[in-house]
Amino acid sequence: MSRIGKQPVQIPDKVKIDIKGTTVSVEGPKGKVSKTFAPVVKIEKQDNKVVVTKVEDTRFSRAMFGTARSVIAGMVKGVSVGYMKELEIQGVGFKAALKGKQLDLALGYSHPILHDIPEGIKVTVTDGTKLKIEGVDKQLVGQVTSEIRAYYPPEPYKGKGVRLVGEHAERVRRKEGKTVA
């Protein structure tokens, strides 16, 4: 049985939770998020807490038990505090700019890359090379960050590309170039 699933989710002040069957809607000062879960879990609001219980004892319901609780806790944190990821662009002539609801990336290709920014995501560009992606949905913030990084991941020789702030040491392995013998 999941140890995480057993713990109730505390509801802070200024956060409203509406539960209809397996659909949970959370509204707070930063925004609103709604998710639907599999019908193998039962979600209830008790006092100032949200409690998740299993409906049946199958492998899938045991898996969804802890998952549903974690996702609900993430939703509560998202509408009260929010989520943020930072990217930096490294390389000569590499830059980013906002054009309305699109992010314009110049990453050394023969054409500019236009990335549509989905609803609920706020992108801020500073110095042309630093991006800040903010939102209330943890999954959506991570997905947008991953899509932008995938246009030009850091390459191992010069380190050019789009990377997460602080990523260089652990995920980007640098290689030695050719040497004259």
C-alpha atoms as a PDB file:
ATOM      1  CA  MET A   1       0.000   0.000   0.000  1.00  0.00           C
ATOM      2  CA  SER A   2       1.260   3.455  -0.875  1.00  0.00           C
ATOM      3  CA  ARG A   3       2.644   5.468   2.007  1.00  0.00           C
ATOM      4  CA  ILE A   4       2.184   8.664   0.011  1.00  0.00           C
ATOM      5  CA  GLY A   5      -1.443   7.851  -0.809  1.00  0.00           C
ATOM      6  CA  LYS A   6      -2.329   7.444   2.877  1.00  0.00           C
ATOM      7  CA  GLN A   7      -1.356  11.035   3.695  1.00  0.00           C
ATOM      8  CA  PRO A   8      -4.123  13.619   3.305  1.00  0.00           C
ATOM      9  CA  VAL A   9      -3.499  16.790   1.273  1.00  0.00           C
ATOM     10  CA  GLN A  10      -3.762  19.951   3.384  1.00  0.00           C
ATOM     11  CA  ILE A  11      -5.797  22.746   1.794  1.00  0.00           C
ATOM     12  CA  PRO A  12      -4.262  26.178   2.531  1.00  0.00           C
ATOM     13  CA  ASP A  13      -6.300  29.356   2.972  1.00  0.00           C
ATOM     14  CA  LYS A  14      -7.360  31.126  -0.264  1.00  0.00           C
ATOM     15  CA  VAL A  15      -7.537  27.773  -2.111  1.00  0.00           C
ATOM     16  CA  LYS A  16     -10.912  26.286  -3.115  1.00  0.00           C
ATOM     17  CA  ILE A  17     -11.341  22.657  -4.117  1.00  0.00           C
ATOM     18  CA  ASP A  18     -14.385  21.315  -5.964  1.00  0.00           C
ATOM     19  CA  ILE A  19     -14.748  17.526  -6.306  1.00  0.00           C
ATOM     20  CA  LYS A  20     -17.301  15.998  -8.695  1.00  0.00           C
ATOM     21  CA  GLY A  21     -16.842  12.250  -8.922  1.00  0.00           C
ATOM     22  CA  THR A  22     -13.268  11.751 -10.078  1.00  0.00           C
ATOM     23  CA  THR A  23     -12.813  15.301 -11.419  1.00  0.00           C
ATOM     24  CA  VAL A  24     -10.959  17.662  -9.098  1.00  0.00           C
ATOM     25  CA  SER A  25     -10.920  21.438  -9.695  1.00  0.00           C
ATOM     26  CA  VAL A  26      -8.560  23.588  -7.647  1.00  0.00           C
ATOM     27  CA  GLU A  27      -8.706  27.388  -7.669  1.00  0.00           C
ATOM     28  CA  GLY A  28      -6.318  29.747  -5.911  1.00  0.00           C
ATOM     29  CA  PRO A  29      -4.581  33.115  -6.153  1.00  0.00           C
ATOM     30  CA  LYS A  30      -2.333  32.041  -9.083  1.00  0.00           C
ATOM     31  CA  GLY A  31      -5.054  30.452 -11.223  1.00  0.00           C
ATOM     32  CA  LYS A  32      -7.237  27.391 -11.752  1.00  0.00           C
ATOM     33  CA  VAL A  33      -6.407  23.741 -12.575  1.00  0.00           C
ATOM     34  CA  SER A  34      -8.728  20.799 -13.226  1.00  0.00           C
ATOM     35  CA  LYS A  35      -7.901  17.100 -13.678  1.00  0.00           C
ATOM     36  CA  THR A  36      -9.906  13.901 -14.061  1.00  0.00           C
ATOM     37  CA  PHE A  37      -8.643  10.706 -12.440  1.00  0.00           C
ATOM     38  CA  ALA A  38      -9.376   7.036 -13.111  1.00  0.00           C
ATOM     39  CA  PRO A  39     -12.506   5.713 -11.366  1.00  0.00           C
ATOM     40  CA  VAL A  40     -10.441   3.242  -9.287  1.00  0.00           C
ATOM     41  CA  VAL A  41      -9.847   5.914  -6.613  1.00  0.00           C
ATOM     42  CA  LYS A  42     -12.323   7.799  -4.449  1.00  0.00           C
ATOM     43  CA  ILE A  43     -11.539  11.433  -3.670  1.00  0.00           C
ATOM     44  CA  GLU A  44     -13.222  13.154  -0.719  1.00  0.00           C
ATOM     45  CA  LYS A  45     -12.929  16.513   1.004  1.00  0.00           C
ATOM     46  CA  GLN A  46     -12.898  16.208   4.792  1.00  0.00           C
ATOM     47  CA  ASP A  47     -12.633  19.394   6.866  1.00  0.00           C
ATOM     48  CA  ASN A  48      -9.565  21.204   5.473  1.00  0.00           C
ATOM     49  CA  LYS A  49      -8.054  18.126   3.799  1.00  0.00           C
ATOM     50  CA  VAL A  50      -8.429  16.012   0.663  1.00  0.00           C
ATOM     51  CA  VAL A  51      -8.368  12.244   1.256  1.00  0.00           C
ATOM     52  CA  VAL A  52      -7.781   9.675  -1.500  1.00  0.00           C
ATOM     53  CA  THR A  53      -8.886   6.048  -1.027  1.00  0.00           C
ATOM     54  CA  LYS A  54      -8.873   2.951  -3.240  1.00  0.00           C
ATOM     55  CA  VAL A  55     -12.188   1.602  -4.567  1.00  0.00           C
ATOM     56  CA  GLU A  56     -10.847  -1.887  -5.322  1.00  0.00           C
ATOM     57  CA  ASP A  57      -7.627  -3.783  -4.604  1.00  0.00           C
ATOM     58  CA  THR A  58      -6.094  -4.248  -8.043  1.00  0.00           C
ATOM     59  CA  ARG A  59      -2.594  -3.454  -9.273  1.00  0.00           C
ATOM     60  CA  PHE A  60      -3.875  -0.433 -11.245  1.00  0.00           C
ATOM     61  CA  SER A  61      -5.844   0.994  -8.303  1.00  0.00           C
ATOM     62  CA  ARG A  62      -2.822   0.636  -6.006  1.00  0.00           C
ATOM     63  CA  ALA A  63      -0.714   2.499  -8.580  1.00  0.00           C
ATOM     64  CA  MET A  64      -3.289   5.268  -9.033  1.00  0.00           C
ATOM     65  CA  PHE A  65      -3.802   5.626  -5.268  1.00  0.00           C
ATOM     66  CA  GLY A  66      -0.468   7.368  -4.600  1.00  0.00           C
ATOM     67  CA  THR A  67      -0.377   9.009  -8.025  1.00  0.00           C
ATOM     68  CA  ALA A  68      -3.747  10.729  -7.553  1.00  0.00           C
ATOM     69  CA  ARG A  69      -2.709  12.036  -4.139  1.00  0.00           C
ATOM     70  CA  SER A  70       0.593  13.394  -5.514  1.00  0.00           C
ATOM     71  CA  VAL A  71      -1.091  15.069  -8.488  1.00  0.00           C
ATOM     72  CA  ILE A  72      -3.691  16.719  -6.211  1.00  0.00           C
ATOM     73  CA  ALA A  73      -0.907  17.963  -3.904  1.00  0.00           C
ATOM     74  CA  GLY A  74       0.875  19.380  -6.975  1.00  0.00           C
ATOM     75  CA  MET A  75      -2.312  21.104  -8.105  1.00  0.00           C
ATOM     76  CA  VAL A  76      -2.727  22.742  -4.683  1.00  0.00           C
ATOM     77  CA  LYS A  77       0.911  23.900  -4.700  1.00  0.00           C
ATOM     78  CA  GLY A  78       0.561  25.191  -8.270  1.00  0.00           C
ATOM     79  CA  VAL A  79      -2.434  27.441  -7.593  1.00  0.00           C
ATOM     80  CA  SER A  80      -0.979  28.775  -4.345  1.00  0.00           C
ATOM     81  CA  VAL A  81       2.759  29.123  -5.141  1.00  0.00           C
ATOM     82  CA  GLY A  82       3.151  28.254  -8.847  1.00  0.00           C
ATOM     83  CA  TYR A  83       5.851  26.421 -10.790  1.00  0.00           C
ATOM     84  CA  MET A  84       8.835  27.897 -12.598  1.00  0.00           C
ATOM     85  CA  LYS A  85      11.679  26.573 -14.746  1.00  0.00           C
ATOM     86  CA  GLU A  86      14.556  28.568 -16.187  1.00  0.00           C
ATOM     87  CA  LEU A  87      16.390  27.952 -19.457  1.00  0.00           C
ATOM     88  CA  GLU A  88      19.511  29.580 -20.827  1.00  0.00           C
ATOM     89  CA  ILE A  89      20.673  29.718 -24.430  1.00  0.00           C
ATOM     90  CA  GLN A  90      24.406  29.470 -25.117  1.00  0.00           C
ATOM     91  CA  GLY A  91      26.056  30.029 -28.487  1.00  0.00           C
ATOM     92  CA  VAL A  92      27.138  32.898 -30.715  1.00  0.00           C
ATOM     93  CA  GLY A  93      24.078  34.459 -32.344  1.00  0.00           C
ATOM     94  CA  PHE A  94      21.641  32.250 -30.413  1.00  0.00           C
ATOM     95  CA  LYS A  95      18.770  34.261 -28.939  1.00  0.00           C
ATOM     96  CA  ALA A  96      15.071  34.287 -28.108  1.00  0.00           C
ATOM     97  CA  ALA A  97      12.326  36.904 -28.339  1.00  0.00           C
ATOM     98  CA  LEU A  98       8.599  37.019 -27.655  1.00  0.00           C
ATOM     99  CA  LYS A  99       6.238  37.834 -30.535  1.00  0.00           C
ATOM    100  CA  GLY A 100       2.733  37.926 -29.072  1.00  0.00           C
ATOM    101  CA  LYS A 101       1.755  34.379 -28.103  1.00  0.00           C
ATOM    102  CA  GLN A 102       4.795  32.867 -29.854  1.00  0.00           C
ATOM    103  CA  LEU A 103       8.396  32.419 -28.820  1.00  0.00           C
ATOM    104  CA  ASP A 104      10.847  33.235 -31.631  1.00  0.00           C
ATOM    105  CA  LEU A 105      14.089  31.261 -31.306  1.00  0.00           C
ATOM    106  CA  ALA A 106      17.211  31.900 -33.413  1.00  0.00           C
ATOM    107  CA  LEU A 107      19.321  28.773 -32.848  1.00  0.00           C
ATOM    108  CA  GLY A 108      21.740  28.751 -35.760  1.00  0.00           C
ATOM    109  CA  TYR A 109      19.381  27.157 -38.268  1.00  0.00           C
ATOM    110  CA  SER A 110      18.559  28.750 -41.627  1.00  0.00           C
ATOM    111  CA  HIS A 111      15.091  29.665 -40.343  1.00  0.00           C
ATOM    112  CA  PRO A 112      13.678  31.050 -37.088  1.00  0.00           C
ATOM    113  CA  ILE A 113      11.823  28.613 -34.854  1.00  0.00           C
ATOM    114  CA  LEU A 114       8.373  29.799 -33.733  1.00  0.00           C
ATOM    115  CA  HIS A 115       7.031  27.968 -30.680  1.00  0.00           C
ATOM    116  CA  ASP A 116       3.393  28.556 -29.682  1.00  0.00           C
ATOM    117  CA  ILE A 117       2.934  29.293 -25.977  1.00  0.00           C
ATOM    118  CA  PRO A 118      -0.079  27.384 -24.582  1.00  0.00           C
ATOM    119  CA  GLU A 119      -2.759  28.931 -22.363  1.00  0.00           C
ATOM    120  CA  GLY A 120      -1.785  29.056 -18.698  1.00  0.00           C
ATOM    121  CA  ILE A 121       1.950  29.442 -19.382  1.00  0.00           C
ATOM    122  CA  LYS A 122       3.852  32.697 -19.008  1.00  0.00           C
ATOM    123  CA  VAL A 123       7.250  32.999 -20.716  1.00  0.00           C
ATOM    124  CA  THR A 124       9.644  35.828 -19.865  1.00  0.00           C
ATOM    125  CA  VAL A 125      12.792  36.523 -21.918  1.00  0.00           C
ATOM    126  CA  THR A 126      15.656  38.522 -20.354  1.00  0.00           C
ATOM    127  CA  ASP A 127      18.928  39.503 -22.066  1.00  0.00           C
ATOM    128  CA  GLY A 128      17.766  37.574 -25.152  1.00  0.00           C
ATOM    129  CA  THR A 129      19.310  34.375 -23.759  1.00  0.00           C
ATOM    130  CA  LYS A 130      17.508  33.666 -20.485  1.00  0.00           C
ATOM    131  CA  LEU A 131      13.981  32.224 -20.454  1.00  0.00           C
ATOM    132  CA  LYS A 132      11.678  31.876 -17.457  1.00  0.00           C
ATOM    133  CA  ILE A 133       8.668  29.566 -17.891  1.00  0.00           C
ATOM    134  CA  GLU A 134       5.943  29.910 -15.241  1.00  0.00           C
ATOM    135  CA  GLY A 135       2.514  28.369 -14.710  1.00  0.00           C
ATOM    136  CA  VAL A 136       0.168  26.615 -12.309  1.00  0.00           C
ATOM    137  CA  ASP A 137       0.234  23.177 -13.988  1.00  0.00           C
ATOM    138  CA  LYS A 138       3.459  21.323 -13.165  1.00  0.00           C
ATOM    139  CA  GLN A 139       3.121  18.925 -16.099  1.00  0.00           C
ATOM    140  CA  LEU A 140       2.502  21.706 -18.628  1.00  0.00           C
ATOM    141  CA  VAL A 141       5.448  23.806 -17.395  1.00  0.00           C
ATOM    142  CA  GLY A 142       7.751  20.786 -17.704  1.00  0.00           C
ATOM    143  CA  GLN A 143       6.404  19.878 -21.136  1.00  0.00           C
ATOM    144  CA  VAL A 144       6.890  23.377 -22.584  1.00  0.00           C
ATOM    145  CA  THR A 145      10.411  23.517 -21.098  1.00  0.00           C
ATOM    146  CA  SER A 146      11.242  20.141 -22.617  1.00  0.00           C
ATOM    147  CA  GLU A 147       9.878  21.107 -26.054  1.00  0.00           C
ATOM    148  CA  ILE A 148      11.949  24.310 -26.144  1.00  0.00           C
ATOM    149  CA  ARG A 149      15.094  22.468 -25.007  1.00  0.00           C
ATOM    150  CA  ALA A 150      14.556  19.785 -27.672  1.00  0.00           C
ATOM    151  CA  TYR A 151      14.996  22.300 -30.525  1.00  0.00           C
ATOM    152  CA  TYR A 152      18.757  22.429 -29.840  1.00  0.00           C
ATOM    153  CA  PRO A 153      19.952  20.356 -26.846  1.00  0.00           C
ATOM    154  CA  PRO A 154      23.446  21.191 -25.567  1.00  0.00           C
ATOM    155  CA  GLU A 155      26.099  19.649 -27.790  1.00  0.00           C
ATOM    156  CA  PRO A 156      29.168  18.006 -26.209  1.00  0.00           C
ATOM    157  CA  TYR A 157      32.040  19.848 -27.963  1.00  0.00           C
ATOM    158  CA  LYS A 158      31.409  23.568 -27.506  1.00  0.00           C
ATOM    159  CA  GLY A 159      28.417  23.380 -25.150  1.00  0.00           C
ATOM    160  CA  LYS A 160      26.156  25.369 -27.493  1.00  0.00           C
ATOM    161  CA  GLY A 161      22.407  24.921 -27.172  1.00  0.00           C
ATOM    162  CA  VAL A 162      19.409  25.365 -24.894  1.00  0.00           C
ATOM    163  CA  ARG A 163      19.876  24.065 -21.366  1.00  0.00           C
ATOM    164  CA  LEU A 164      18.225  24.233 -17.978  1.00  0.00           C
ATOM    165  CA  VAL A 165      19.899  26.628 -15.550  1.00  0.00           C
ATOM    166  CA  GLY A 166      22.393  24.590 -13.531  1.00  0.00           C
ATOM    167  CA  GLU A 167      22.257  21.606 -15.900  1.00  0.00           C
ATOM    168  CA  HIS A 168      25.780  21.866 -17.350  1.00  0.00           C
ATOM    169  CA  ALA A 169      27.651  19.757 -14.795  1.00  0.00           C
ATOM    170  CA  GLU A 170      25.495  16.672 -14.389  1.00  0.00           C
ATOM    171  CA  ARG A 171      23.698  16.173 -17.721  1.00  0.00           C
ATOM    172  CA  VAL A 172      25.928  17.691 -20.398  1.00  0.00           C
ATOM    173  CA  ARG A 173      29.062  15.631 -20.915  1.00  0.00           C
ATOM    174  CA  ARG A 174      31.872  17.584 -22.617  1.00  0.00           C
ATOM    175  CA  LYS A 175      34.093  15.796 -25.133  1.00  0.00           C
ATOM    176  CA  GLU A 176      37.609  16.592 -26.265  1.00  0.00           C
ATOM    177  CA  GLY A 177      37.925  17.744 -29.870  1.00  0.00           C
ATOM    178  CA  LYS A 178      40.315  16.489 -32.507  1.00  0.00           C
ATOM    179  CA  THR A 179      44.030  16.777 -31.828  1.00  0.00           C
ATOM    180  CA  VAL A 180      46.948  16.918 -34.210  1.00  0.00           C
ATOM    181  CA  ALA A 181      49.286  13.976 -33.644  1.00  0.00           C
END
